[in-house]
Amino acid sequence: MPPATAERLLTDLSTQLDMFSRFLKVDLTSIILEGDLVQGESRRATELLATGKNTQCWLQRLQEIHQWTNLALREQDWLQRTGRNEPTPCSGSHRFGTMAAFIQEEGLSDTHNTKKALQHGRRLMRFEREFGHGITLIWLPVLPALRCLSLAEEARTIEMLGSSDFAYVAHRAQLLARLRFNYQCIHGIYLGKLHEESAYIL
């Protein structure tokens, strides 16, 4: 598989945006509330959307992004409670920075999957700080590639989203901000944090 780049990520996303917009017109609240994909609801969504094989994949990713961002929001809450502002970068012997302390003190499962989920959640939150809450939903069609971006390519993606060539992606993200906020409130438990940030939602 070729390395993930900002150009490839945004080009692939652009080809799927129209179909993905149809996907998001279906109310997926019941699926989020269940926490797992309920067969009946998944079938109903598929029938309504008629988006083919992508539908089931996107439903699963919708669950994943809210789990990841909920974990990242929980870390933000922990950082504030412990007098820290930002996660400590990983370096040297401190391979996971403040991550290890957060996982231990919060009683989370100290596994590779937990650490990767938190890393993915941090990345999504970094994009949200730049472009608003809706950008997290925008990434669903290309989520595997987004996860594989290096930090340098992540920075290039942010730069390209701010350019005129991809301004329409950032604009669509703004239109999805309220939907993203509502879904996170359903799925997440850190509603106070989100309500504090609601002034940024368009």
Protein backbone atom coordinates (compact mmCIF):
# COMPACT_ATOMS: atom_id res chain seq x y z
CA MET A 1 0.00 0.00 0.00
CA PRO A 2 1.44 3.42 -0.95
CA PRO A 3 2.10 5.84 1.93
CA ALA A 4 -0.80 8.04 2.97
CA THR A 5 -0.43 11.60 1.75
CA ALA A 6 -2.50 14.74 2.12
CA GLU A 7 -3.12 14.89 -1.64
CA ARG A 8 -4.31 11.30 -1.90
CA LEU A 9 -6.47 11.63 1.20
CA LEU A 10 -8.31 14.72 0.00
CA THR A 11 -8.63 13.50 -3.58
CA ASP A 12 -10.17 10.20 -2.44
CA LEU A 13 -12.48 12.08 -0.09
CA SER A 14 -13.66 14.40 -2.84
CA THR A 15 -14.82 11.50 -5.01
CA GLN A 16 -17.03 10.16 -2.20
CA LEU A 17 -18.48 13.34 -0.70
CA ASP A 18 -21.77 13.40 -2.62
CA MET A 19 -22.61 9.79 -1.82
CA PHE A 20 -21.53 10.27 1.77
CA SER A 21 -23.79 13.31 2.11
CA ARG A 22 -26.74 11.06 1.22
CA PHE A 23 -25.64 8.64 3.93
CA LEU A 24 -25.73 11.36 6.58
CA LYS A 25 -29.30 12.35 5.70
CA VAL A 26 -30.54 9.20 7.44
CA ASP A 27 -31.14 9.51 11.18
CA LEU A 28 -28.59 7.13 12.72
CA THR A 29 -29.46 7.95 16.34
CA SER A 30 -30.79 4.50 17.16
CA ILE A 31 -27.61 2.85 15.90
CA ILE A 32 -25.43 5.12 18.01
CA LEU A 33 -27.57 4.49 21.08
CA GLU A 34 -27.20 0.76 20.69
CA GLY A 35 -23.40 0.98 20.62
CA ASP A 36 -23.36 -1.94 18.19
CA LEU A 37 -24.77 -2.36 14.74
CA VAL A 38 -28.32 -3.67 15.13
CA GLN A 39 -29.23 -5.82 12.17
CA GLY A 40 -32.66 -4.33 11.63
CA GLU A 41 -31.47 -0.75 11.82
CA SER A 42 -28.48 -1.45 9.59
CA ARG A 43 -30.78 -3.01 7.00
CA ARG A 44 -33.16 -0.05 7.18
CA ALA A 45 -30.32 2.41 6.71
CA THR A 46 -28.98 0.41 3.79
CA GLU A 47 -32.38 0.30 2.12
CA LEU A 48 -32.94 4.01 2.56
CA LEU A 49 -29.50 4.97 1.36
CA ALA A 50 -28.92 2.49 -1.43
CA THR A 51 -25.21 3.32 -1.19
CA GLY A 52 -24.06 -0.26 -1.64
CA LYS A 53 -21.14 -1.82 0.17
CA ASN A 54 -19.99 1.46 1.73
CA THR A 55 -22.99 1.77 4.04
CA GLN A 56 -22.06 -0.97 6.51
CA CYS A 57 -18.47 0.22 6.59
CA TRP A 58 -19.49 3.80 7.30
CA LEU A 59 -21.85 2.72 10.07
CA GLN A 60 -18.99 0.92 11.80
CA ARG A 61 -16.70 3.90 11.39
CA LEU A 62 -19.35 6.20 12.83
CA GLN A 63 -19.22 4.15 16.00
CA GLU A 64 -15.43 4.21 16.04
CA ILE A 65 -14.97 7.95 15.67
CA HIS A 66 -17.29 8.68 18.57
CA GLN A 67 -15.50 6.13 20.74
CA TRP A 68 -12.15 7.69 19.84
CA THR A 69 -13.20 11.29 20.36
CA ASN A 70 -14.99 10.41 23.58
CA LEU A 71 -11.71 8.95 24.85
CA ALA A 72 -9.81 12.06 23.75
CA LEU A 73 -12.36 14.28 25.50
CA ARG A 74 -11.96 12.18 28.62
CA GLU A 75 -8.22 12.76 28.40
CA GLN A 76 -8.76 16.51 28.04
CA ASP A 77 -10.90 16.46 31.17
CA TRP A 78 -8.16 14.52 33.01
CA LEU A 79 -5.48 16.95 31.83
CA GLN A 80 -7.46 19.89 33.23
CA ARG A 81 -8.08 18.11 36.53
CA THR A 82 -4.39 17.33 36.90
CA GLY A 83 -3.18 20.82 36.03
CA ARG A 84 -1.97 20.07 32.51
CA ASN A 85 -2.97 21.89 29.36
CA GLU A 86 -1.88 19.54 26.58
CA PRO A 87 -0.72 15.93 26.32
CA THR A 88 3.04 15.55 26.77
CA PRO A 89 4.61 14.44 23.48
CA CYS A 90 6.12 10.97 23.35
CA SER A 91 9.92 10.99 23.40
CA GLY A 92 12.83 8.89 24.55
CA SER A 93 11.99 6.58 27.40
CA HIS A 94 8.61 8.28 27.78
CA ARG A 95 7.21 6.46 24.79
CA PHE A 96 3.60 7.40 25.40
CA GLY A 97 4.10 10.76 27.16
CA THR A 98 1.16 11.54 29.46
CA MET A 99 -0.85 8.75 27.83
CA ALA A 100 0.42 6.04 30.20
CA ALA A 101 -0.43 8.11 33.29
CA PHE A 102 -3.89 8.92 31.94
CA ILE A 103 -4.67 5.28 31.20
CA GLN A 104 -3.45 4.14 34.59
CA GLU A 105 -5.14 6.83 36.68
CA GLU A 106 -8.44 6.49 34.83
CA GLY A 107 -8.43 2.72 35.21
CA LEU A 108 -8.50 2.04 31.48
CA SER A 109 -7.30 -1.13 29.83
CA ASP A 110 -3.58 -0.67 29.13
CA THR A 111 -3.59 -2.25 25.69
CA HIS A 112 -2.36 -1.42 22.23
CA ASN A 113 -5.96 -0.84 21.10
CA THR A 114 -6.58 1.71 23.87
CA LYS A 115 -3.45 3.65 22.98
CA LYS A 116 -4.21 3.62 19.28
CA ALA A 117 -7.81 4.72 19.91
CA LEU A 118 -6.55 7.64 21.99
CA GLN A 119 -4.03 8.60 19.32
CA HIS A 120 -6.78 8.55 16.68
CA GLY A 121 -9.05 10.59 18.95
CA ARG A 122 -6.33 13.17 19.53
CA ARG A 123 -5.86 13.54 15.79
CA LEU A 124 -9.57 14.06 15.19
CA MET A 125 -9.69 16.67 17.95
CA ARG A 126 -6.74 18.52 16.39
CA PHE A 127 -8.69 18.79 13.14
CA GLU A 128 -11.78 19.90 15.06
CA ARG A 129 -9.84 22.74 16.67
CA GLU A 130 -8.95 23.98 13.18
CA PHE A 131 -12.20 23.37 11.29
CA GLY A 132 -14.97 22.73 13.81
CA HIS A 133 -16.76 19.60 15.01
CA GLY A 134 -18.14 18.60 11.62
CA ILE A 135 -14.73 17.76 10.17
CA THR A 136 -14.70 14.49 12.14
CA LEU A 137 -17.77 13.23 10.24
CA ILE A 138 -16.24 14.28 6.93
CA TRP A 139 -13.36 11.85 7.44
CA LEU A 140 -15.54 8.70 7.60
CA PRO A 141 -15.09 7.68 3.93
CA VAL A 142 -11.29 7.87 4.19
CA LEU A 143 -10.77 7.00 7.84
CA PRO A 144 -8.18 4.23 7.27
CA ALA A 145 -5.97 6.61 5.29
CA LEU A 146 -6.42 9.37 7.88
CA ARG A 147 -5.21 7.01 10.61
CA CYS A 148 -2.03 6.32 8.63
CA LEU A 149 -1.02 9.93 8.07
CA SER A 150 2.30 10.99 9.49
CA LEU A 151 2.31 14.16 11.58
CA ALA A 152 3.95 15.96 8.67
CA GLU A 153 1.18 14.86 6.30
CA GLU A 154 -1.42 15.78 8.89
CA ALA A 155 -0.01 19.32 8.93
CA ARG A 156 -0.08 19.41 5.12
CA THR A 157 -3.70 18.24 5.14
CA ILE A 158 -4.64 21.08 7.48
CA GLU A 159 -2.82 23.52 5.21
CA MET A 160 -4.52 22.19 2.08
CA LEU A 161 -7.97 22.33 3.71
CA GLY A 162 -7.35 26.03 4.26
CA SER A 163 -6.60 26.60 0.58
CA SER A 164 -9.11 27.53 -2.10
CA ASP A 165 -8.75 24.15 -3.82
CA PHE A 166 -10.32 22.28 -0.89
CA ALA A 167 -12.31 25.06 0.78
CA TYR A 168 -15.53 23.22 -0.16
CA VAL A 169 -14.52 20.34 2.13
CA ALA A 170 -14.11 22.68 5.09
CA HIS A 171 -17.43 24.30 4.19
CA ARG A 172 -19.24 20.96 4.20
CA ALA A 173 -17.65 20.22 7.56
CA GLN A 174 -19.18 23.41 8.94
CA LEU A 175 -22.60 22.31 7.72
CA LEU A 176 -22.19 19.02 9.61
CA ALA A 177 -21.14 20.61 12.90
CA ARG A 178 -24.56 20.44 14.56
CA LEU A 179 -25.10 16.84 13.48
CA ARG A 180 -21.69 15.85 14.83
CA PHE A 181 -22.40 17.63 18.10
CA ASN A 182 -25.74 15.89 18.52
CA TYR A 183 -24.31 12.45 17.80
CA GLN A 184 -21.41 13.00 20.22
CA CYS A 185 -23.82 14.05 22.96
CA ILE A 186 -25.77 10.83 22.41
CA HIS A 187 -22.69 8.63 22.38
CA GLY A 188 -20.40 10.44 24.79
CA ILE A 189 -20.47 11.10 28.51
CA TYR A 190 -18.48 14.33 28.59
CA LEU A 191 -21.32 16.63 27.62
CA GLY A 192 -20.08 19.52 29.74
CA LYS A 193 -16.93 19.80 27.70
CA LEU A 194 -18.89 19.81 24.49
CA HIS A 195 -21.37 22.38 25.74
CA GLU A 196 -18.46 24.65 26.67
CA GLU A 197 -17.31 24.43 23.06
CA SER A 198 -20.79 24.79 21.53
CA ALA A 199 -20.17 28.45 20.73
CA TYR A 200 -17.93 27.26 17.90
CA ILE A 201 -20.70 25.18 16.31
CA LEU A 202 -22.35 26.75 13.29
